[in-house]
């Protein structure tokens, strides 16, 4: 650990303009990282949207969450997502039968309800306590089955993928530039 700290001391990721860039990371991408703009839209600096992009990883398959499954009772999901006093709320089975909106990497961006109302990326993960938004689902009787990949938001460096790249002999610089291909490394002290 001390060797790694010494080797990387003073190094930062920078945008082409030279400004320091954030080093987003997550546990496991499920095979492909996500574009920052797909997850955070207008909530982030335009430079982040432009330069922190999706890459094919396929290195995190050792993660316990590379593939995951969850089985939730429809009535429990309804309690989380629908207000009891809302007379026009749709049943979950009809909500989940609509086509969700996907990001370019295949993660669910929005699940639509009635009248244009939707729940977005972060709400889906938080409310349903799912490892990621990289999932598909189906209704089976009184249950919703979720079949997913990865753990976390998927933006930036995949920790399980970085571990595998290091085991394959890649340097820390090669690993960072693999996950942040439009950024540069710069020593600032």
Foldseek 3Di string as FASTA:
>chain_A
DVVVCVVCPQKFWAFPVRHGDDADEWAAQLFKFAQPCLAQPPVDDVSSNVFFHMDGQPQLVVDPQSKDKDKDFQVLLCVLPPDPPDPPWDRPQVQLVDDFDAGPVQFGAWRATPPRDIDGFVSVCVSVVDQGRNWHWDDDPRIIMIIGGDGDDRTHAHVSSLVRVVVVPDDPLRRRCNSRVNIHMDRRD
